[in-house]
Each structure stands twice: as C-alpha cells, then as structure tokens.
C-alpha cells in the first residue's frame, strides 16, 4: 500500500520538511515558523552572523579624496578618467617603483 495511514488521518503536516531562507528575521517569518511548521521531530532555527572581511585587513591604508572639475554631467565620466590618468595614476606608479 503506497498511501500511508498517517496521511489519510491528516497527519501529513507533521511529517514534512520546511526550509525558510532569508537575510532578515521578520515577525511574519516567526509567525509562519511557529504556526505552520509543525514537525513531529521538532524544529530548528539557525541564525548565522557574517562579520565581513574588514577585520582581517592588517595594513591600514590612508584614503585620500580629491576633487576634480567637470563642465557638465555628461562629461563627468570622461573628466574623472582624465583626472585619474594625469594626476592619480602617476603617483601610484611612483610609489610602486620605490
């Protein structure tokens, strides 16, 4: 017999596996987890925290912000690239050669 007796007795909701994936824990997900996930063997809720990679950086690098002028918004990208090629990149090359 392929149909299980517990399925006919409307007990199938206790024998299913539900996986909920999300980046944030919300009240709606808690309500779904507590109200609809009724597993016979129990439930598990895992929360992992990702600390990121910034604490692993050992060298402290100084950030330098520089202002450049552009005549219009349409020429902004070209002006930024030109400023990088003429002012910033030569400094990088000089510091790399030393």
PDB file of N, CA and C in Angstrom:
ATOM      1  N   UNK A   1       0.852  -1.174   0.000  1.00  0.00           N
ATOM      2  CA  UNK A   1       0.000   0.000   0.000  1.00  0.00           C
ATOM      3  C   UNK A   1       0.895   1.232   0.000  1.00  0.00           C
ATOM      4  N   UNK A   2       0.701   2.105  -0.973  1.00  0.00           N
ATOM      5  CA  UNK A   2       1.571   3.271  -1.112  1.00  0.00           C
ATOM      6  C   UNK A   2       1.097   4.453  -0.270  1.00  0.00           C
ATOM      7  N   UNK A   3      -0.155   4.497   0.068  1.00  0.00           N
ATOM      8  CA  UNK A   3      -0.667   5.602   0.871  1.00  0.00           C
ATOM      9  C   UNK A   3      -0.518   5.248   2.344  1.00  0.00           C
ATOM     10  N   UNK A   4       0.153   6.087   3.066  1.00  0.00           N
ATOM     11  CA  UNK A   4       0.400   5.847   4.484  1.00  0.00           C
ATOM     12  C   UNK A   4      -0.853   6.187   5.300  1.00  0.00           C
ATOM     13  N   UNK A   5      -1.085   5.442   6.371  1.00  0.00           N
ATOM     14  CA  UNK A   5      -2.273   5.721   7.209  1.00  0.00           C
ATOM     15  C   UNK A   5      -2.232   7.102   7.850  1.00  0.00           C
ATOM     16  N   UNK A   6      -1.052   7.569   8.231  1.00  0.00           N
ATOM     17  CA  UNK A   6      -0.956   8.889   8.857  1.00  0.00           C
ATOM     18  C   UNK A   6      -1.316   9.994   7.868  1.00  0.00           C
ATOM     19  N   UNK A   7      -1.123   9.728   6.584  1.00  0.00           N
ATOM     20  CA  UNK A   7      -1.511  10.713   5.566  1.00  0.00           C
ATOM     21  C   UNK A   7      -3.027  10.799   5.454  1.00  0.00           C
ATOM     22  N   UNK A   8      -3.706   9.666   5.535  1.00  0.00           N
ATOM     23  CA  UNK A   8      -5.174   9.655   5.478  1.00  0.00           C
ATOM     24  C   UNK A   8      -5.789  10.251   6.735  1.00  0.00           C
ATOM     25  N   UNK A   9      -5.081  10.180   7.841  1.00  0.00           N
ATOM     26  CA  UNK A   9      -5.576  10.739   9.105  1.00  0.00           C
ATOM     27  C   UNK A   9      -5.247  12.218   9.251  1.00  0.00           C
ATOM     28  N   UNK A  10      -4.844  12.870   8.146  1.00  0.00           N
ATOM     29  CA  UNK A  10      -4.496  14.289   8.114  1.00  0.00           C
ATOM     30  C   UNK A  10      -3.334  14.634   9.044  1.00  0.00           C
ATOM     31  N   UNK A  11      -2.365  13.735   9.121  1.00  0.00           N
ATOM     32  CA  UNK A  11      -1.174  13.965   9.933  1.00  0.00           C
ATOM     33  C   UNK A  11       0.057  14.291   9.079  1.00  0.00           C
ATOM     34  N   UNK A  12      -0.135  14.504   7.777  1.00  0.00           N
ATOM     35  CA  UNK A  12       0.987  14.757   6.873  1.00  0.00           C
ATOM     36  C   UNK A  12       1.717  16.043   7.229  1.00  0.00           C
ATOM     37  N   UNK A  13       1.038  17.021   7.809  1.00  0.00           N
ATOM     38  CA  UNK A  13       1.692  18.284   8.154  1.00  0.00           C
ATOM     39  C   UNK A  13       2.776  18.104   9.217  1.00  0.00           C
ATOM     40  N   UNK A  14       2.705  16.990   9.962  1.00  0.00           N
ATOM     41  CA  UNK A  14       3.731  16.730  10.968  1.00  0.00           C
ATOM     42  C   UNK A  14       4.953  16.016  10.401  1.00  0.00           C
ATOM     43  N   UNK A  15       4.884  15.583   9.154  1.00  0.00           N
ATOM     44  CA  UNK A  15       5.969  14.807   8.555  1.00  0.00           C
ATOM     45  C   UNK A  15       6.546  15.476   7.316  1.00  0.00           C
ATOM     46  N   UNK A  16       6.458  16.749   7.220  1.00  0.00           N
ATOM     47  CA  UNK A  16       7.039  17.458   6.086  1.00  0.00           C
ATOM     48  C   UNK A  16       8.215  18.297   6.563  1.00  0.00           C
ATOM     49  N   UNK A  17       9.059  18.639   5.610  1.00  0.00           N
ATOM     50  CA  UNK A  17      10.228  19.452   5.918  1.00  0.00           C
ATOM     51  C   UNK A  17      10.042  20.815   5.264  1.00  0.00           C
ATOM     52  N   UNK A  18      10.155  21.868   6.049  1.00  0.00           N
ATOM     53  CA  UNK A  18      10.009  23.224   5.555  1.00  0.00           C
ATOM     54  C   UNK A  18      11.317  23.965   5.801  1.00  0.00           C
ATOM     55  N   UNK A  19      11.829  24.578   4.748  1.00  0.00           N
ATOM     56  CA  UNK A  19      13.061  25.365   4.857  1.00  0.00           C
ATOM     57  C   UNK A  19      12.731  26.802   4.464  1.00  0.00           C
ATOM     58  N   UNK A  20      13.022  27.735   5.349  1.00  0.00           N
ATOM     59  CA  UNK A  20      12.782  29.152   5.110  1.00  0.00           C
ATOM     60  C   UNK A  20      14.136  29.846   5.088  1.00  0.00           C
ATOM     61  N   UNK A  21      14.455  30.500   3.984  1.00  0.00           N
ATOM     62  CA  UNK A  21      15.729  31.206   3.843  1.00  0.00           C
ATOM     63  C   UNK A  21      15.479  32.702   3.723  1.00  0.00           C
ATOM     64  N   UNK A  22      16.225  33.487   4.479  1.00  0.00           N
ATOM     65  CA  UNK A  22      16.076  34.929   4.410  1.00  0.00           C
ATOM     66  C   UNK A  22      17.307  35.592   5.009  1.00  0.00           C
ATOM     67  N   UNK A  23      17.547  36.820   4.610  1.00  0.00           N
ATOM     68  CA  UNK A  23      18.649  37.584   5.182  1.00  0.00           C
ATOM     69  C   UNK A  23      18.248  38.256   6.490  1.00  0.00           C
ATOM     70  N   UNK A  24      16.957  38.449   6.684  1.00  0.00           N
ATOM     71  CA  UNK A  24      16.476  39.153   7.867  1.00  0.00           C
ATOM     72  C   UNK A  24      15.377  38.342   8.544  1.00  0.00           C
ATOM     73  N   UNK A  25      15.326  38.407   9.854  1.00  0.00           N
ATOM     74  CA  UNK A  25      14.282  37.758  10.631  1.00  0.00           C
ATOM     75  C   UNK A  25      13.144  38.750  10.840  1.00  0.00           C
ATOM     76  N   UNK A  26      11.954  38.417  10.347  1.00  0.00           N
ATOM     77  CA  UNK A  26      10.812  39.319  10.439  1.00  0.00           C
ATOM     78  C   UNK A  26       9.707  38.669  11.269  1.00  0.00           C
ATOM     79  N   UNK A  27       8.773  39.451  11.792  1.00  0.00           N
ATOM     80  CA  UNK A  27       7.650  38.882  12.542  1.00  0.00           C
ATOM     81  C   UNK A  27       6.797  37.928  11.695  1.00  0.00           C
ATOM     82  N   UNK A  28       6.688  38.213  10.393  1.00  0.00           N
ATOM     83  CA  UNK A  28       5.904  37.328   9.531  1.00  0.00           C
ATOM     84  C   UNK A  28       6.555  35.947   9.425  1.00  0.00           C
ATOM     85  N   UNK A  29       7.871  35.924   9.336  1.00  0.00           N
ATOM     86  CA  UNK A  29       8.560  34.631   9.267  1.00  0.00           C
ATOM     87  C   UNK A  29       8.457  33.885  10.591  1.00  0.00           C
ATOM     88  N   UNK A  30       8.529  34.596  11.704  1.00  0.00           N
ATOM     89  CA  UNK A  30       8.342  33.943  13.005  1.00  0.00           C
ATOM     90  C   UNK A  30       6.947  33.355  13.128  1.00  0.00           C
ATOM     91  N   UNK A  31       5.940  34.079  12.653  1.00  0.00           N
ATOM     92  CA  UNK A  31       4.576  33.568  12.705  1.00  0.00           C
ATOM     93  C   UNK A  31       4.417  32.332  11.824  1.00  0.00           C
ATOM     94  N   UNK A  32       5.021  32.360  10.643  1.00  0.00           N
ATOM     95  CA  UNK A  32       4.985  31.197   9.759  1.00  0.00           C
ATOM     96  C   UNK A  32       5.698  30.016  10.404  1.00  0.00           C
ATOM     97  N   UNK A  33       6.848  30.263  10.993  1.00  0.00           N
ATOM     98  CA  UNK A  33       7.628  29.203  11.625  1.00  0.00           C
ATOM     99  C   UNK A  33       6.890  28.595  12.813  1.00  0.00           C
ATOM    100  N   UNK A  34       6.311  29.441  13.661  1.00  0.00           N
ATOM    101  CA  UNK A  34       5.641  28.950  14.866  1.00  0.00           C
ATOM    102  C   UNK A  34       4.251  28.388  14.590  1.00  0.00           C
ATOM    103  N   UNK A  35       3.556  28.911  13.570  1.00  0.00           N
ATOM    104  CA  UNK A  35       2.184  28.489  13.342  1.00  0.00           C
ATOM    105  C   UNK A  35       2.015  27.385  12.328  1.00  0.00           C
ATOM    106  N   UNK A  36       2.832  27.369  11.287  1.00  0.00           N
ATOM    107  CA  UNK A  36       2.619  26.414  10.192  1.00  0.00           C
ATOM    108  C   UNK A  36       3.630  25.283  10.161  1.00  0.00           C
ATOM    109  N   UNK A  37       4.778  25.467  10.751  1.00  0.00           N
ATOM    110  CA  UNK A  37       5.799  24.416  10.729  1.00  0.00           C
ATOM    111  C   UNK A  37       5.623  23.540  11.968  1.00  0.00           C
ATOM    112  N   UNK A  38       4.883  22.466  11.800  1.00  0.00           N
ATOM    113  CA  UNK A  38       4.543  21.591  12.926  1.00  0.00           C
ATOM    114  C   UNK A  38       5.156  20.223  12.706  1.00  0.00           C
ATOM    115  N   UNK A  39       6.446  20.091  12.826  1.00  0.00           N
ATOM    116  CA  UNK A  39       7.123  18.836  12.539  1.00  0.00           C
ATOM    117  C   UNK A  39       7.114  17.935  13.762  1.00  0.00           C
ATOM    118  N   UNK A  40       6.930  16.644  13.549  1.00  0.00           N
ATOM    119  CA  UNK A  40       6.888  15.641  14.616  1.00  0.00           C
ATOM    120  C   UNK A  40       8.214  15.540  15.350  1.00  0.00           C
ATOM    121  N   UNK A  41       9.318  15.656  14.627  1.00  0.00           N
ATOM    122  CA  UNK A  41      10.649  15.505  15.211  1.00  0.00           C
ATOM    123  C   UNK A  41      11.197  16.802  15.798  1.00  0.00           C
ATOM    124  N   UNK A  42      10.498  17.900  15.650  1.00  0.00           N
ATOM    125  CA  UNK A  42      10.969  19.159  16.208  1.00  0.00           C
ATOM    126  C   UNK A  42      11.325  20.164  15.126  1.00  0.00           C
ATOM    127  N   UNK A  43      11.789  21.342  15.551  1.00  0.00           N
ATOM    128  CA  UNK A  43      12.140  22.418  14.634  1.00  0.00           C
ATOM    129  C   UNK A  43      13.506  22.970  15.020  1.00  0.00           C
ATOM    130  N   UNK A  44      14.156  23.541  14.040  1.00  0.00           N
ATOM    131  CA  UNK A  44      15.466  24.163  14.268  1.00  0.00           C
ATOM    132  C   UNK A  44      15.465  25.513  13.572  1.00  0.00           C
ATOM    133  N   UNK A  45      15.952  26.520  14.267  1.00  0.00           N
ATOM    134  CA  UNK A  45      16.115  27.852  13.684  1.00  0.00           C
ATOM    135  C   UNK A  45      17.583  28.231  13.820  1.00  0.00           C
ATOM    136  N   UNK A  46      18.238  28.480  12.697  1.00  0.00           N
ATOM    137  CA  UNK A  46      19.650  28.839  12.698  1.00  0.00           C
ATOM    138  C   UNK A  46      19.814  30.294  12.286  1.00  0.00           C
ATOM    139  N   UNK A  47      20.649  30.994  12.992  1.00  0.00           N
ATOM    140  CA  UNK A  47      20.979  32.380  12.639  1.00  0.00           C
ATOM    141  C   UNK A  47      22.498  32.492  12.592  1.00  0.00           C
ATOM    142  N   UNK A  48      23.030  32.801  11.423  1.00  0.00           N
ATOM    143  CA  UNK A  48      24.466  32.949  11.284  1.00  0.00           C
ATOM    144  C   UNK A  48      24.807  34.421  11.121  1.00  0.00           C
ATOM    145  N   UNK A  49      25.932  34.791  11.633  1.00  0.00           N
ATOM    146  CA  UNK A  49      26.382  36.169  11.518  1.00  0.00           C
ATOM    147  C   UNK A  49      27.662  36.192  10.701  1.00  0.00           C
ATOM    148  N   UNK A  50      27.692  37.051   9.720  1.00  0.00           N
ATOM    149  CA  UNK A  50      28.871  37.225   8.885  1.00  0.00           C
ATOM    150  C   UNK A  50      29.541  38.523   9.301  1.00  0.00           C
ATOM    151  N   UNK A  51      30.754  38.414   9.817  1.00  0.00           N
ATOM    152  CA  UNK A  51      31.444  39.602  10.330  1.00  0.00           C
ATOM    153  C   UNK A  51      32.089  40.417   9.225  1.00  0.00           C
ATOM    154  N   UNK A  52      32.251  39.807   8.049  1.00  0.00           N
ATOM    155  CA  UNK A  52      32.855  40.535   6.945  1.00  0.00           C
ATOM    156  C   UNK A  52      34.354  40.310   6.887  1.00  0.00           C
ATOM    157  N   UNK A  53      34.983  40.977   5.968  1.00  0.00           N
ATOM    158  CA  UNK A  53      36.415  40.794   5.762  1.00  0.00           C
ATOM    159  C   UNK A  53      37.242  41.975   6.248  1.00  0.00           C
ATOM    160  N   UNK A  54      36.607  43.067   6.633  1.00  0.00           N
ATOM    161  CA  UNK A  54      37.380  44.241   7.059  1.00  0.00           C
ATOM    162  C   UNK A  54      38.243  43.995   8.294  1.00  0.00           C
ATOM    163  N   UNK A  55      37.796  43.213   9.282  1.00  0.00           N
ATOM    164  CA  UNK A  55      38.699  42.961  10.421  1.00  0.00           C
ATOM    165  C   UNK A  55      39.935  42.152  10.049  1.00  0.00           C
ATOM    166  N   UNK A  56      39.913  41.464   8.921  1.00  0.00           N
ATOM    167  CA  UNK A  56      41.060  40.646   8.516  1.00  0.00           C
ATOM    168  C   UNK A  56      42.155  41.466   7.836  1.00  0.00           C
ATOM    169  N   UNK A  57      41.869  42.694   7.462  1.00  0.00           N
ATOM    170  CA  UNK A  57      42.866  43.543   6.807  1.00  0.00           C
ATOM    171  C   UNK A  57      43.861  44.025   7.852  1.00  0.00           C
ATOM    172  N   UNK A  58      45.122  43.749   7.619  1.00  0.00           N
ATOM    173  CA  UNK A  58      46.138  44.087   8.604  1.00  0.00           C
ATOM    174  C   UNK A  58      46.805  45.428   8.321  1.00  0.00           C
ATOM    175  N   UNK A  59      46.875  45.816   7.071  1.00  0.00           N
ATOM    176  CA  UNK A  59      47.505  47.086   6.733  1.00  0.00           C
ATOM    177  C   UNK A  59      46.483  48.212   6.810  1.00  0.00           C
ATOM    178  N   UNK A  60      46.863  49.259   7.472  1.00  0.00           N
ATOM    179  CA  UNK A  60      45.997  50.424   7.496  1.00  0.00           C
ATOM    180  C   UNK A  60      46.352  51.294   6.296  1.00  0.00           C
ATOM    181  N   UNK A  61      45.376  51.554   5.465  1.00  0.00           N
ATOM    182  CA  UNK A  61      45.597  52.329   4.252  1.00  0.00           C
ATOM    183  C   UNK A  61      44.880  53.660   4.397  1.00  0.00           C
ATOM    184  N   UNK A  62      45.594  54.702   4.118  1.00  0.00           N
ATOM    185  CA  UNK A  62      45.025  56.036   4.210  1.00  0.00           C
ATOM    186  C   UNK A  62      44.222  56.322   2.945  1.00  0.00           C
ATOM    187  N   UNK A  63      42.994  56.749   3.103  1.00  0.00           N
ATOM    188  CA  UNK A  63      42.165  57.117   1.958  1.00  0.00           C
ATOM    189  C   UNK A  63      42.312  58.603   1.687  1.00  0.00           C
ATOM    190  N   UNK A  64      42.456  58.924   0.413  1.00  0.00           N
ATOM    191  CA  UNK A  64      42.602  60.312   0.014  1.00  0.00           C
ATOM    192  C   UNK A  64      41.487  60.633  -0.966  1.00  0.00           C
ATOM    193  N   UNK A  65      40.710  61.653  -0.642  1.00  0.00           N
ATOM    194  CA  UNK A  65      39.644  62.110  -1.525  1.00  0.00           C
ATOM    195  C   UNK A  65      40.116  63.363  -2.252  1.00  0.00           C
ATOM    196  N   UNK A  66      39.953  63.367  -3.555  1.00  0.00           N
ATOM    197  CA  UNK A  66      40.388  64.513  -4.343  1.00  0.00           C
ATOM    198  C   UNK A  66      39.220  65.017  -5.171  1.00  0.00           C
ATOM    199  N   UNK A  67      39.164  66.317  -5.323  1.00  0.00           N
ATOM    200  CA  UNK A  67      38.086  66.945  -6.086  1.00  0.00           C
ATOM    201  C   UNK A  67      38.586  67.279  -7.488  1.00  0.00           C
ATOM    202  N   UNK A  68      37.729  67.058  -8.461  1.00  0.00           N
ATOM    203  CA  UNK A  68      38.055  67.426  -9.837  1.00  0.00           C
ATOM    204  C   UNK A  68      36.864  68.166 -10.420  1.00  0.00           C
ATOM    205  N   UNK A  69      37.121  68.946 -11.436  1.00  0.00           N
ATOM    206  CA  UNK A  69      36.072  69.751 -12.057  1.00  0.00           C
ATOM    207  C   UNK A  69      35.620  69.130 -13.369  1.00  0.00           C
ATOM    208  N   UNK A  70      34.314  69.228 -13.618  1.00  0.00           N
ATOM    209  CA  UNK A  70      33.735  68.794 -14.893  1.00  0.00           C
ATOM    210  C   UNK A  70      32.785  69.882 -15.354  1.00  0.00           C
ATOM    211  N   UNK A  71      32.751  70.132 -16.643  1.00  0.00           N
ATOM    212  CA  UNK A  71      31.926  71.221 -17.161  1.00  0.00           C
ATOM    213  C   UNK A  71      30.445  70.861 -17.178  1.00  0.00           C
ATOM    214  N   UNK A  72      30.102  69.577 -17.319  1.00  0.00           N
ATOM    215  CA  UNK A  72      28.697  69.172 -17.310  1.00  0.00           C
ATOM    216  C   UNK A  72      28.592  67.727 -16.818  1.00  0.00           C
ATOM    217  N   UNK A  73      27.377  67.309 -16.526  1.00  0.00           N
ATOM    218  CA  UNK A  73      27.155  65.945 -16.048  1.00  0.00           C
ATOM    219  C   UNK A  73      27.481  64.933 -17.142  1.00  0.00           C
ATOM    220  N   UNK A  74      27.224  65.278 -18.387  1.00  0.00           N
ATOM    221  CA  UNK A  74      27.517  64.377 -19.491  1.00  0.00           C
ATOM    222  C   UNK A  74      29.001  64.102 -19.660  1.00  0.00           C
ATOM    223  N   UNK A  75      29.833  65.042 -19.273  1.00  0.00           N
ATOM    224  CA  UNK A  75      31.278  64.882 -19.401  1.00  0.00           C
ATOM    225  C   UNK A  75      31.943  64.444 -18.095  1.00  0.00           C
ATOM    226  N   UNK A  76      31.149  64.095 -17.122  1.00  0.00           N
ATOM    227  CA  UNK A  76      31.671  63.747 -15.809  1.00  0.00           C
ATOM    228  C   UNK A  76      32.567  62.508 -15.845  1.00  0.00           C
ATOM    229  N   UNK A  77      32.136  61.462 -16.529  1.00  0.00           N
ATOM    230  CA  UNK A  77      32.932  60.230 -16.580  1.00  0.00           C
ATOM    231  C   UNK A  77      34.262  60.447 -17.290  1.00  0.00           C
ATOM    232  N   UNK A  78      34.223  61.163 -18.405  1.00  0.00           N
ATOM    233  CA  UNK A  78      35.465  61.431 -19.132  1.00  0.00           C
ATOM    234  C   UNK A  78      36.414  62.298 -18.309  1.00  0.00           C
ATOM    235  N   UNK A  79      35.870  63.283 -17.600  1.00  0.00           N
ATOM    236  CA  UNK A  79      36.702  64.150 -16.770  1.00  0.00           C
ATOM    237  C   UNK A  79      37.317  63.359 -15.615  1.00  0.00           C
ATOM    238  N   UNK A  80      36.551  62.442 -15.030  1.00  0.00           N
ATOM    239  CA  UNK A  80      37.066  61.616 -13.934  1.00  0.00           C
ATOM    240  C   UNK A  80      38.212  60.728 -14.434  1.00  0.00           C
ATOM    241  N   UNK A  81      38.018  60.101 -15.595  1.00  0.00           N
ATOM    242  CA  UNK A  81      39.061  59.246 -16.155  1.00  0.00           C
ATOM    243  C   UNK A  81      40.316  60.050 -16.512  1.00  0.00           C
ATOM    244  N   UNK A  82      40.121  61.216 -17.073  1.00  0.00           N
ATOM    245  CA  UNK A  82      41.252  62.075 -17.435  1.00  0.00           C
ATOM    246  C   UNK A  82      42.023  62.499 -16.177  1.00  0.00           C
ATOM    247  N   UNK A  83      41.303  62.854 -15.116  1.00  0.00           N
ATOM    248  CA  UNK A  83      41.951  63.240 -13.863  1.00  0.00           C
ATOM    249  C   UNK A  83      42.735  62.062 -13.284  1.00  0.00           C
ATOM    250  N   UNK A  84      42.153  60.876 -13.349  1.00  0.00           N
ATOM    251  CA  UNK A  84      42.855  59.694 -12.855  1.00  0.00           C
ATOM    252  C   UNK A  84      44.141  59.439 -13.647  1.00  0.00           C
ATOM    253  N   UNK A  85      44.062  59.532 -14.965  1.00  0.00           N
ATOM    254  CA  UNK A  85      45.233  59.255 -15.817  1.00  0.00           C
ATOM    255  C   UNK A  85      46.341  60.283 -15.626  1.00  0.00           C
ATOM    256  N   UNK A  86      45.990  61.548 -15.411  1.00  0.00           N
ATOM    257  CA  UNK A  86      47.017  62.587 -15.339  1.00  0.00           C
ATOM    258  C   UNK A  86      47.516  62.855 -13.924  1.00  0.00           C
ATOM    259  N   UNK A  87      46.690  62.696 -12.912  1.00  0.00           N
ATOM    260  CA  UNK A  87      47.087  63.074 -11.549  1.00  0.00           C
ATOM    261  C   UNK A  87      47.290  61.875 -10.614  1.00  0.00           C
ATOM    262  N   UNK A  88      46.360  60.935 -10.610  1.00  0.00           N
ATOM    263  CA  UNK A  88      46.389  59.863  -9.609  1.00  0.00           C
ATOM    264  C   UNK A  88      47.321  58.728 -10.021  1.00  0.00           C
ATOM    265  N   UNK A  89      47.191  58.257 -11.243  1.00  0.00           N
ATOM    266  CA  UNK A  89      47.974  57.098 -11.679  1.00  0.00           C
ATOM    267  C   UNK A  89      49.482  57.347 -11.661  1.00  0.00           C
ATOM    268  N   UNK A  90      49.968  58.525 -12.049  1.00  0.00           N
ATOM    269  CA  UNK A  90      51.419  58.750 -11.921  1.00  0.00           C
ATOM    270  C   UNK A  90      51.916  58.650 -10.474  1.00  0.00           C
ATOM    271  N   UNK A  91      51.123  59.072  -9.502  1.00  0.00           N
ATOM    272  CA  UNK A  91      51.511  58.936  -8.090  1.00  0.00           C
ATOM    273  C   UNK A  91      51.588  57.468  -7.691  1.00  0.00           C
ATOM    274  N   UNK A  92      50.661  56.661  -8.202  1.00  0.00           N
ATOM    275  CA  UNK A  92      50.670  55.228  -7.896  1.00  0.00           C
ATOM    276  C   UNK A  92      51.911  54.577  -8.492  1.00  0.00           C
ATOM    277  N   UNK A  93      52.254  54.955  -9.703  1.00  0.00           N
ATOM    278  CA  UNK A  93      53.452  54.393 -10.348  1.00  0.00           C
ATOM    279  C   UNK A  93      54.716  54.774  -9.591  1.00  0.00           C
ATOM    280  N   UNK A  94      54.793  56.015  -9.122  1.00  0.00           N
ATOM    281  CA  UNK A  94      55.982  56.460  -8.389  1.00  0.00           C
ATOM    282  C   UNK A  94      56.111  55.710  -7.070  1.00  0.00           C
ATOM    283  N   UNK A  95      55.023  55.513  -6.374  1.00  0.00           N
ATOM    284  CA  UNK A  95      55.094  54.809  -5.087  1.00  0.00           C
ATOM    285  C   UNK A  95      55.370  53.326  -5.283  1.00  0.00           C
ATOM    286  N   UNK A  96      54.976  52.760  -6.404  1.00  0.00           N
ATOM    287  CA  UNK A  96      55.208  51.349  -6.674  1.00  0.00           C
ATOM    288  C   UNK A  96      56.658  51.077  -7.055  1.00  0.00           C
ATOM    289  N   UNK A  97      57.290  52.045  -7.691  1.00  0.00           N
ATOM    290  CA  UNK A  97      58.678  51.863  -8.134  1.00  0.00           C
ATOM    291  C   UNK A  97      59.659  51.964  -6.980  1.00  0.00           C
ATOM    292  N   UNK A  98      59.292  52.622  -5.911  1.00  0.00           N
ATOM    293  CA  UNK A  98      60.194  52.826  -4.770  1.00  0.00           C
ATOM    294  C   UNK A  98      60.342  51.609  -3.936  1.00  0.00           C
TER     295      UNK A  98
END
